[in-house]
Amino acid sequence: MAKQKEIELPDGSRIPILYEDRSVLAIDKPDGWMLAPDSWDRTSRNLQLALVASVNAGDYWARSRRLKFIRFVHRLDADTSGVLLFAKSPGAVHAYSRLFQSRRVEKVYLAVVLGIPLRQDWVCRLKLGPDPQECGRMRVEPRRGKEAETQVHVLDTGDGTALIEAKPLSGRTHQIRVHLAESGHPVVGDALYGARLANSAPASRHSSRFPLALRAVALSYPDPFQKRRIHIHAPAEEFCRRFGFRWSAPRPRE
């Protein structure tokens, strides 16, 4: 039985499959889907629940793989698109979760930010913790926050915005968004952390026109079963064009 190269959900959503082996399946997550336990059914946009329901229903993409189990092993924000890794068994969940917890997974994001940074490269190491004033929001906590580090590189600049590459060396909630906002360059479309600049003309213009301009474009890790390094890439050209840039990603490493 031939395997589909995309996941087709009952609601018509089509999600490209970027990589697959016996243990994991990586997808190109669309924006607008959240990740929560499959028991959480208070939204129709819970991707984990939608995938489990599709597997249990025996939809062709899952049936052709004889797939009985699927579970995400890391998270992307609901409004962030790009590479997302799922495990095909409980044992794989444990093995790949340990890779993320031990920071052996390299993650690369593209973001379009407001303003033109003065530096080409910088590293942000501000500690982060939950904001007690607003549920679901993070803030800088110099004393009690958890260690967080993000490497930033400017790829291109445009009309009041810049295309940047961000590599989070830790995996804190909203880490890239907070670190970029604290640098004075919040992600375009980020209503949660870009509100401080909402009254400026460039910020209001770009924020109102676009959704969150953040995309996970690469994931690399030492595979615990195949004993080789895996490199997974998501297309970047359409994302860049959407926000007014013509940058093309380097050719993936073999």
C-alpha atoms as a PDB file:
ATOM      1  CA  MET A   1       0.000   0.000   0.000  1.00  0.00           C
ATOM      2  CA  ALA A   2       1.568   3.300  -1.139  1.00  0.00           C
ATOM      3  CA  LYS A   3       2.125   5.885   1.565  1.00  0.00           C
ATOM      4  CA  GLN A   4       0.746   9.392   1.170  1.00  0.00           C
ATOM      5  CA  LYS A   5       3.329  12.173   1.382  1.00  0.00           C
ATOM      6  CA  GLU A   6       0.893  14.326   3.319  1.00  0.00           C
ATOM      7  CA  ILE A   7      -1.648  13.962   6.095  1.00  0.00           C
ATOM      8  CA  GLU A   8      -5.219  14.606   5.020  1.00  0.00           C
ATOM      9  CA  LEU A   9      -7.563  15.308   7.922  1.00  0.00           C
ATOM     10  CA  PRO A  10     -11.365  14.911   7.782  1.00  0.00           C
ATOM     11  CA  ASP A  11     -11.826  18.714   7.776  1.00  0.00           C
ATOM     12  CA  GLY A  12      -9.867  18.925   4.514  1.00  0.00           C
ATOM     13  CA  SER A  13      -6.587  20.105   6.041  1.00  0.00           C
ATOM     14  CA  ARG A  14      -3.514  18.799   4.209  1.00  0.00           C
ATOM     15  CA  ILE A  15      -0.264  18.706   6.153  1.00  0.00           C
ATOM     16  CA  PRO A  16       2.996  17.888   4.313  1.00  0.00           C
ATOM     17  CA  ILE A  17       5.207  15.119   5.710  1.00  0.00           C
ATOM     18  CA  LEU A  18       8.835  16.310   5.670  1.00  0.00           C
ATOM     19  CA  TYR A  19      10.612  13.214   6.997  1.00  0.00           C
ATOM     20  CA  GLU A  20       9.775   9.739   8.218  1.00  0.00           C
ATOM     21  CA  ASP A  21      11.500   6.637   9.537  1.00  0.00           C
ATOM     22  CA  ARG A  22      10.447   3.672  11.676  1.00  0.00           C
ATOM     23  CA  SER A  23      10.363   5.757  14.879  1.00  0.00           C
ATOM     24  CA  VAL A  24       9.276   9.286  13.974  1.00  0.00           C
ATOM     25  CA  LEU A  25       7.326  11.379  11.519  1.00  0.00           C
ATOM     26  CA  ALA A  26       8.070  15.078  10.933  1.00  0.00           C
ATOM     27  CA  ILE A  27       5.417  17.385   9.494  1.00  0.00           C
ATOM     28  CA  ASP A  28       5.262  20.950   8.227  1.00  0.00           C
ATOM     29  CA  LYS A  29       2.854  22.272  10.855  1.00  0.00           C
ATOM     30  CA  PRO A  30       0.472  24.958   9.576  1.00  0.00           C
ATOM     31  CA  ASP A  31      -0.087  28.005  11.739  1.00  0.00           C
ATOM     32  CA  GLY A  32      -3.321  28.168  13.692  1.00  0.00           C
ATOM     33  CA  TRP A  33      -3.008  24.682  15.248  1.00  0.00           C
ATOM     34  CA  MET A  34      -2.219  24.286  18.940  1.00  0.00           C
ATOM     35  CA  LEU A  35      -0.562  21.318  20.653  1.00  0.00           C
ATOM     36  CA  ALA A  36      -2.269  19.940  23.741  1.00  0.00           C
ATOM     37  CA  PRO A  37      -3.019  16.460  25.145  1.00  0.00           C
ATOM     38  CA  ASP A  38      -5.576  14.568  23.055  1.00  0.00           C
ATOM     39  CA  SER A  39      -7.927  14.642  26.047  1.00  0.00           C
ATOM     40  CA  TRP A  40      -8.225  18.444  25.665  1.00  0.00           C
ATOM     41  CA  ASP A  41     -11.176  18.955  23.339  1.00  0.00           C
ATOM     42  CA  ARG A  42     -12.185  22.552  24.009  1.00  0.00           C
ATOM     43  CA  THR A  43     -11.029  23.592  20.543  1.00  0.00           C
ATOM     44  CA  SER A  44     -11.292  22.074  17.081  1.00  0.00           C
ATOM     45  CA  ARG A  45      -7.710  23.193  16.425  1.00  0.00           C
ATOM     46  CA  ASN A  46      -5.884  20.787  18.744  1.00  0.00           C
ATOM     47  CA  LEU A  47      -3.486  19.105  16.312  1.00  0.00           C
ATOM     48  CA  GLN A  48      -2.646  16.194  18.619  1.00  0.00           C
ATOM     49  CA  LEU A  49      -6.338  15.359  19.061  1.00  0.00           C
ATOM     50  CA  ALA A  50      -7.014  15.687  15.328  1.00  0.00           C
ATOM     51  CA  LEU A  51      -4.169  13.327  14.441  1.00  0.00           C
ATOM     52  CA  VAL A  52      -5.128  10.735  17.061  1.00  0.00           C
ATOM     53  CA  ALA A  53      -8.737  10.822  15.866  1.00  0.00           C
ATOM     54  CA  SER A  54      -7.565  10.360  12.280  1.00  0.00           C
ATOM     55  CA  VAL A  55      -5.357   7.395  13.244  1.00  0.00           C
ATOM     56  CA  ASN A  56      -8.183   5.779  15.233  1.00  0.00           C
ATOM     57  CA  ALA A  57     -10.572   6.254  12.314  1.00  0.00           C
ATOM     58  CA  GLY A  58      -8.169   4.407  10.024  1.00  0.00           C
ATOM     59  CA  ASP A  59      -7.758   7.277   7.566  1.00  0.00           C
ATOM     60  CA  TYR A  60      -5.669   6.280   4.563  1.00  0.00           C
ATOM     61  CA  TRP A  61      -2.487   8.204   5.436  1.00  0.00           C
ATOM     62  CA  ALA A  62      -2.337   6.362   8.788  1.00  0.00           C
ATOM     63  CA  ARG A  63      -3.668   3.014   7.584  1.00  0.00           C
ATOM     64  CA  SER A  64      -1.085   2.848   4.789  1.00  0.00           C
ATOM     65  CA  ARG A  65       1.607   3.106   7.457  1.00  0.00           C
ATOM     66  CA  ARG A  66      -0.120   0.685   9.836  1.00  0.00           C
ATOM     67  CA  LEU A  67       0.121   3.531  12.317  1.00  0.00           C
ATOM     68  CA  LYS A  68      -1.478   2.923  15.720  1.00  0.00           C
ATOM     69  CA  PHE A  69       0.181   5.648  17.825  1.00  0.00           C
ATOM     70  CA  ILE A  70       1.310   9.238  17.303  1.00  0.00           C
ATOM     71  CA  ARG A  71       2.445  11.874  19.788  1.00  0.00           C
ATOM     72  CA  PHE A  72       4.378  15.143  19.563  1.00  0.00           C
ATOM     73  CA  VAL A  73       7.762  15.182  21.318  1.00  0.00           C
ATOM     74  CA  HIS A  74       8.255  18.970  21.341  1.00  0.00           C
ATOM     75  CA  ARG A  75       6.021  21.986  20.839  1.00  0.00           C
ATOM     76  CA  LEU A  76       5.514  24.917  18.511  1.00  0.00           C
ATOM     77  CA  ASP A  77       3.294  27.858  19.434  1.00  0.00           C
ATOM     78  CA  ALA A  78      -0.154  27.728  17.862  1.00  0.00           C
ATOM     79  CA  ASP A  79       0.668  30.569  15.456  1.00  0.00           C
ATOM     80  CA  THR A  80       4.136  29.228  14.560  1.00  0.00           C
ATOM     81  CA  SER A  81       4.524  27.030  11.491  1.00  0.00           C
ATOM     82  CA  GLY A  82       7.232  24.604  10.426  1.00  0.00           C
ATOM     83  CA  VAL A  83       9.089  21.444  11.405  1.00  0.00           C
ATOM     84  CA  LEU A  84       7.344  19.443  14.125  1.00  0.00           C
ATOM     85  CA  LEU A  85       8.411  15.955  15.211  1.00  0.00           C
ATOM     86  CA  PHE A  86       6.015  13.174  16.228  1.00  0.00           C
ATOM     87  CA  ALA A  87       6.884   9.772  17.706  1.00  0.00           C
ATOM     88  CA  LYS A  88       5.257   6.562  16.472  1.00  0.00           C
ATOM     89  CA  SER A  89       5.464   4.642  19.754  1.00  0.00           C
ATOM     90  CA  PRO A  90       5.612   5.333  23.511  1.00  0.00           C
ATOM     91  CA  GLY A  91       9.239   4.150  23.520  1.00  0.00           C
ATOM     92  CA  ALA A  92      10.123   6.653  20.810  1.00  0.00           C
ATOM     93  CA  VAL A  93       8.425   9.448  22.796  1.00  0.00           C
ATOM     94  CA  HIS A  94      10.749   8.704  25.702  1.00  0.00           C
ATOM     95  CA  ALA A  95      13.902   8.427  23.565  1.00  0.00           C
ATOM     96  CA  TYR A  96      13.372  11.604  21.544  1.00  0.00           C
ATOM     97  CA  SER A  97      12.096  13.603  24.515  1.00  0.00           C
ATOM     98  CA  ARG A  98      15.442  12.911  26.188  1.00  0.00           C
ATOM     99  CA  LEU A  99      17.226  14.392  23.156  1.00  0.00           C
ATOM    100  CA  PHE A 100      15.291  17.632  23.538  1.00  0.00           C
ATOM    101  CA  GLN A 101      15.711  17.724  27.316  1.00  0.00           C
ATOM    102  CA  SER A 102      19.483  17.232  27.007  1.00  0.00           C
ATOM    103  CA  ARG A 103      19.694  20.010  24.364  1.00  0.00           C
ATOM    104  CA  ARG A 104      21.078  17.713  21.704  1.00  0.00           C
ATOM    105  CA  VAL A 105      18.565  18.924  19.119  1.00  0.00           C
ATOM    106  CA  GLU A 106      19.517  21.914  16.976  1.00  0.00           C
ATOM    107  CA  LYS A 107      16.537  24.097  16.028  1.00  0.00           C
ATOM    108  CA  VAL A 108      16.552  26.901  13.461  1.00  0.00           C
ATOM    109  CA  TYR A 109      13.771  29.459  13.022  1.00  0.00           C
ATOM    110  CA  LEU A 110      13.148  32.306  10.626  1.00  0.00           C
ATOM    111  CA  ALA A 111      11.459  35.419  11.964  1.00  0.00           C
ATOM    112  CA  VAL A 112      10.552  38.789  10.517  1.00  0.00           C
ATOM    113  CA  VAL A 113      11.003  41.498  13.140  1.00  0.00           C
ATOM    114  CA  LEU A 114      10.031  45.132  13.440  1.00  0.00           C
ATOM    115  CA  GLY A 115      12.832  47.630  12.938  1.00  0.00           C
ATOM    116  CA  ILE A 116      16.368  47.265  11.586  1.00  0.00           C
ATOM    117  CA  PRO A 117      18.815  45.809  14.157  1.00  0.00           C
ATOM    118  CA  LEU A 118      22.064  47.708  14.615  1.00  0.00           C
ATOM    119  CA  ARG A 119      24.020  44.463  14.951  1.00  0.00           C
ATOM    120  CA  GLN A 120      24.347  41.614  12.476  1.00  0.00           C
ATOM    121  CA  ASP A 121      24.724  38.993  15.197  1.00  0.00           C
ATOM    122  CA  TRP A 122      23.986  38.795  18.903  1.00  0.00           C
ATOM    123  CA  VAL A 123      23.152  36.341  21.678  1.00  0.00           C
ATOM    124  CA  CYS A 124      20.360  36.901  24.215  1.00  0.00           C
ATOM    125  CA  ARG A 125      20.655  35.127  27.565  1.00  0.00           C
ATOM    126  CA  LEU A 126      17.826  36.750  29.537  1.00  0.00           C
ATOM    127  CA  LYS A 127      16.224  34.384  32.053  1.00  0.00           C
ATOM    128  CA  LEU A 128      12.516  33.711  31.557  1.00  0.00           C
ATOM    129  CA  GLY A 129       9.563  32.865  33.772  1.00  0.00           C
ATOM    130  CA  PRO A 130       5.744  33.014  33.743  1.00  0.00           C
ATOM    131  CA  ASP A 131       4.142  36.442  34.014  1.00  0.00           C
ATOM    132  CA  PRO A 132       1.975  36.338  37.179  1.00  0.00           C
ATOM    133  CA  GLN A 133      -0.112  39.217  35.824  1.00  0.00           C
ATOM    134  CA  GLU A 134      -1.195  37.433  32.630  1.00  0.00           C
ATOM    135  CA  CYS A 135      -1.814  33.714  32.174  1.00  0.00           C
ATOM    136  CA  GLY A 136       0.064  32.197  29.243  1.00  0.00           C
ATOM    137  CA  ARG A 137       2.529  35.056  28.968  1.00  0.00           C
ATOM    138  CA  MET A 138       6.245  34.896  29.765  1.00  0.00           C
ATOM    139  CA  ARG A 139       8.519  37.662  30.972  1.00  0.00           C
ATOM    140  CA  VAL A 140      12.150  38.303  31.844  1.00  0.00           C
ATOM    141  CA  GLU A 141      12.933  37.132  35.407  1.00  0.00           C
ATOM    142  CA  PRO A 142      16.587  37.985  36.222  1.00  0.00           C
ATOM    143  CA  ARG A 143      16.518  36.354  39.672  1.00  0.00           C
ATOM    144  CA  ARG A 144      14.016  33.480  39.563  1.00  0.00           C
ATOM    145  CA  GLY A 145      13.747  32.797  35.862  1.00  0.00           C
ATOM    146  CA  LYS A 146      15.086  29.752  34.019  1.00  0.00           C
ATOM    147  CA  GLU A 147      18.231  29.959  31.911  1.00  0.00           C
ATOM    148  CA  ALA A 148      17.517  30.702  28.241  1.00  0.00           C
ATOM    149  CA  GLU A 149      19.809  31.417  25.301  1.00  0.00           C
ATOM    150  CA  THR A 150      19.011  32.453  21.731  1.00  0.00           C
ATOM    151  CA  GLN A 151      21.540  33.096  18.954  1.00  0.00           C
ATOM    152  CA  VAL A 152      20.377  35.713  16.433  1.00  0.00           C
ATOM    153  CA  HIS A 153      21.689  36.467  12.932  1.00  0.00           C
ATOM    154  CA  VAL A 154      20.298  39.096  10.534  1.00  0.00           C
ATOM    155  CA  LEU A 155      19.809  37.644   7.042  1.00  0.00           C
ATOM    156  CA  ASP A 156      18.219  40.600   5.219  1.00  0.00           C
ATOM    157  CA  THR A 157      16.567  43.943   5.828  1.00  0.00           C
ATOM    158  CA  GLY A 158      13.541  45.574   4.239  1.00  0.00           C
ATOM    159  CA  ASP A 159      11.170  48.496   4.697  1.00  0.00           C
ATOM    160  CA  GLY A 160      11.141  48.820   8.462  1.00  0.00           C
ATOM    161  CA  THR A 161      11.573  45.093   9.037  1.00  0.00           C
ATOM    162  CA  ALA A 162      14.373  42.525   9.083  1.00  0.00           C
ATOM    163  CA  LEU A 163      14.541  38.825   8.305  1.00  0.00           C
ATOM    164  CA  ILE A 164      16.469  37.034  11.020  1.00  0.00           C
ATOM    165  CA  GLU A 165      17.615  33.512  11.820  1.00  0.00           C
ATOM    166  CA  ALA A 166      17.139  32.475  15.443  1.00  0.00           C
ATOM    167  CA  LYS A 167      18.683  29.420  17.086  1.00  0.00           C
ATOM    168  CA  PRO A 168      17.296  28.715  20.584  1.00  0.00           C
ATOM    169  CA  LEU A 169      19.832  26.712  22.567  1.00  0.00           C
ATOM    170  CA  SER A 170      17.214  26.131  25.267  1.00  0.00           C
ATOM    171  CA  GLY A 171      13.505  25.457  24.842  1.00  0.00           C
ATOM    172  CA  ARG A 172      11.597  27.863  27.063  1.00  0.00           C
ATOM    173  CA  THR A 173       8.016  28.813  26.276  1.00  0.00           C
ATOM    174  CA  HIS A 174       7.868  31.778  23.845  1.00  0.00           C
ATOM    175  CA  GLN A 175      11.660  32.102  24.173  1.00  0.00           C
ATOM    176  CA  ILE A 176      12.400  33.548  20.729  1.00  0.00           C
ATOM    177  CA  ARG A 177       9.444  35.926  20.873  1.00  0.00           C
ATOM    178  CA  VAL A 178      10.396  37.313  24.294  1.00  0.00           C
ATOM    179  CA  HIS A 179      14.113  37.589  23.532  1.00  0.00           C
ATOM    180  CA  LEU A 180      13.458  39.429  20.264  1.00  0.00           C
ATOM    181  CA  ALA A 181      10.907  41.750  21.867  1.00  0.00           C
ATOM    182  CA  GLU A 182      13.363  42.547  24.666  1.00  0.00           C
ATOM    183  CA  SER A 183      15.986  43.387  22.054  1.00  0.00           C
ATOM    184  CA  GLY A 184      13.614  46.062  20.731  1.00  0.00           C
ATOM    185  CA  HIS A 185      12.653  44.035  17.655  1.00  0.00           C
ATOM    186  CA  PRO A 186       9.470  42.031  18.303  1.00  0.00           C
ATOM    187  CA  VAL A 187       8.259  39.514  15.749  1.00  0.00           C
ATOM    188  CA  VAL A 188       5.845  40.967  13.200  1.00  0.00           C
ATOM    189  CA  GLY A 189       2.277  40.041  14.111  1.00  0.00           C
ATOM    190  CA  ASP A 190       3.095  39.269  17.749  1.00  0.00           C
ATOM    191  CA  ALA A 191       0.208  40.844  19.633  1.00  0.00           C
ATOM    192  CA  LEU A 192       1.367  39.330  22.932  1.00  0.00           C
ATOM    193  CA  TYR A 193       4.918  40.703  23.075  1.00  0.00           C
ATOM    194  CA  GLY A 194       4.888  43.476  20.476  1.00  0.00           C
ATOM    195  CA  ALA A 195       2.185  45.570  22.161  1.00  0.00           C
ATOM    196  CA  ARG A 196       4.742  48.048  23.560  1.00  0.00           C
ATOM    197  CA  LEU A 197       5.429  49.270  20.012  1.00  0.00           C
ATOM    198  CA  ALA A 198       1.815  49.213  18.876  1.00  0.00           C
ATOM    199  CA  ASN A 199       1.561  53.004  18.772  1.00  0.00           C
ATOM    200  CA  SER A 200       4.449  53.460  16.346  1.00  0.00           C
ATOM    201  CA  ALA A 201       3.567  53.731  12.652  1.00  0.00           C
ATOM    202  CA  PRO A 202       5.830  50.907  11.389  1.00  0.00           C
ATOM    203  CA  ALA A 203       4.670  48.544  14.136  1.00  0.00           C
ATOM    204  CA  SER A 204       0.975  49.151  13.603  1.00  0.00           C
ATOM    205  CA  ARG A 205       1.302  48.913   9.820  1.00  0.00           C
ATOM    206  CA  HIS A 206       3.104  45.565   9.810  1.00  0.00           C
ATOM    207  CA  SER A 207       1.277  44.068  12.797  1.00  0.00           C
ATOM    208  CA  SER A 208      -2.140  44.643  11.262  1.00  0.00           C
ATOM    209  CA  ARG A 209      -1.230  43.179   7.862  1.00  0.00           C
ATOM    210  CA  PHE A 210       0.390  39.910   8.887  1.00  0.00           C
ATOM    211  CA  PRO A 211       0.022  36.918  11.214  1.00  0.00           C
ATOM    212  CA  LEU A 212       2.887  35.880  13.474  1.00  0.00           C
ATOM    213  CA  ALA A 213       6.039  35.913  11.331  1.00  0.00           C
ATOM    214  CA  LEU A 214       7.822  32.955  12.935  1.00  0.00           C
ATOM    215  CA  ARG A 215       8.632  29.645  11.220  1.00  0.00           C
ATOM    216  CA  ALA A 216      10.662  26.604  12.297  1.00  0.00           C
ATOM    217  CA  VAL A 217      12.733  25.779   9.215  1.00  0.00           C
ATOM    218  CA  ALA A 218      15.216  23.150  10.417  1.00  0.00           C
ATOM    219  CA  LEU A 219      15.668  20.419  13.007  1.00  0.00           C
ATOM    220  CA  SER A 220      18.836  18.368  13.471  1.00  0.00           C
ATOM    221  CA  TYR A 221      19.581  15.626  16.016  1.00  0.00           C
ATOM    222  CA  PRO A 222      21.629  12.461  16.619  1.00  0.00           C
ATOM    223  CA  ASP A 223      19.162   9.649  16.018  1.00  0.00           C
ATOM    224  CA  PRO A 224      19.173   7.298  19.039  1.00  0.00           C
ATOM    225  CA  PHE A 225      18.241   4.245  16.949  1.00  0.00           C
ATOM    226  CA  GLN A 226      19.954   4.767  13.584  1.00  0.00           C
ATOM    227  CA  LYS A 227      23.176   6.110  15.125  1.00  0.00           C
ATOM    228  CA  ARG A 228      23.477   8.911  12.579  1.00  0.00           C
ATOM    229  CA  ARG A 229      22.586  12.582  12.495  1.00  0.00           C
ATOM    230  CA  ILE A 230      19.228  13.493  10.979  1.00  0.00           C
ATOM    231  CA  HIS A 231      18.603  16.845   9.260  1.00  0.00           C
ATOM    232  CA  ILE A 232      15.012  17.909   8.561  1.00  0.00           C
ATOM    233  CA  HIS A 233      14.152  21.075   6.624  1.00  0.00           C
ATOM    234  CA  ALA A 234      10.904  22.916   5.915  1.00  0.00           C
ATOM    235  CA  PRO A 235      10.505  25.158   2.845  1.00  0.00           C
ATOM    236  CA  ALA A 236      11.291  28.802   3.556  1.00  0.00           C
ATOM    237  CA  GLU A 237      10.786  30.656   0.261  1.00  0.00           C
ATOM    238  CA  GLU A 238       6.995  31.111   0.494  1.00  0.00           C
ATOM    239  CA  PHE A 239       7.277  32.356   4.084  1.00  0.00           C
ATOM    240  CA  CYS A 240       9.892  34.920   3.046  1.00  0.00           C
ATOM    241  CA  ARG A 241       7.871  36.122   0.059  1.00  0.00           C
ATOM    242  CA  ARG A 242       4.810  36.492   2.259  1.00  0.00           C
ATOM    243  CA  PHE A 243       6.666  39.055   4.331  1.00  0.00           C
ATOM    244  CA  GLY A 244       8.388  40.842   1.460  1.00  0.00           C
ATOM    245  CA  PHE A 245      11.765  39.053   1.326  1.00  0.00           C
ATOM    246  CA  ARG A 246      13.378  37.057  -1.499  1.00  0.00           C
ATOM    247  CA  TRP A 247      15.849  35.136   0.644  1.00  0.00           C
ATOM    248  CA  SER A 248      16.397  31.466  -0.220  1.00  0.00           C
ATOM    249  CA  ALA A 249      17.564  28.837   2.255  1.00  0.00           C
ATOM    250  CA  PRO A 250      20.944  27.172   1.650  1.00  0.00           C
ATOM    251  CA  ARG A 251      20.789  23.672   0.214  1.00  0.00           C
ATOM    252  CA  PRO A 252      20.156  21.089   2.958  1.00  0.00           C
ATOM    253  CA  ARG A 253      23.118  19.039   4.117  1.00  0.00           C
ATOM    254  CA  GLU A 254      23.064  15.393   3.070  1.00  0.00           C
END
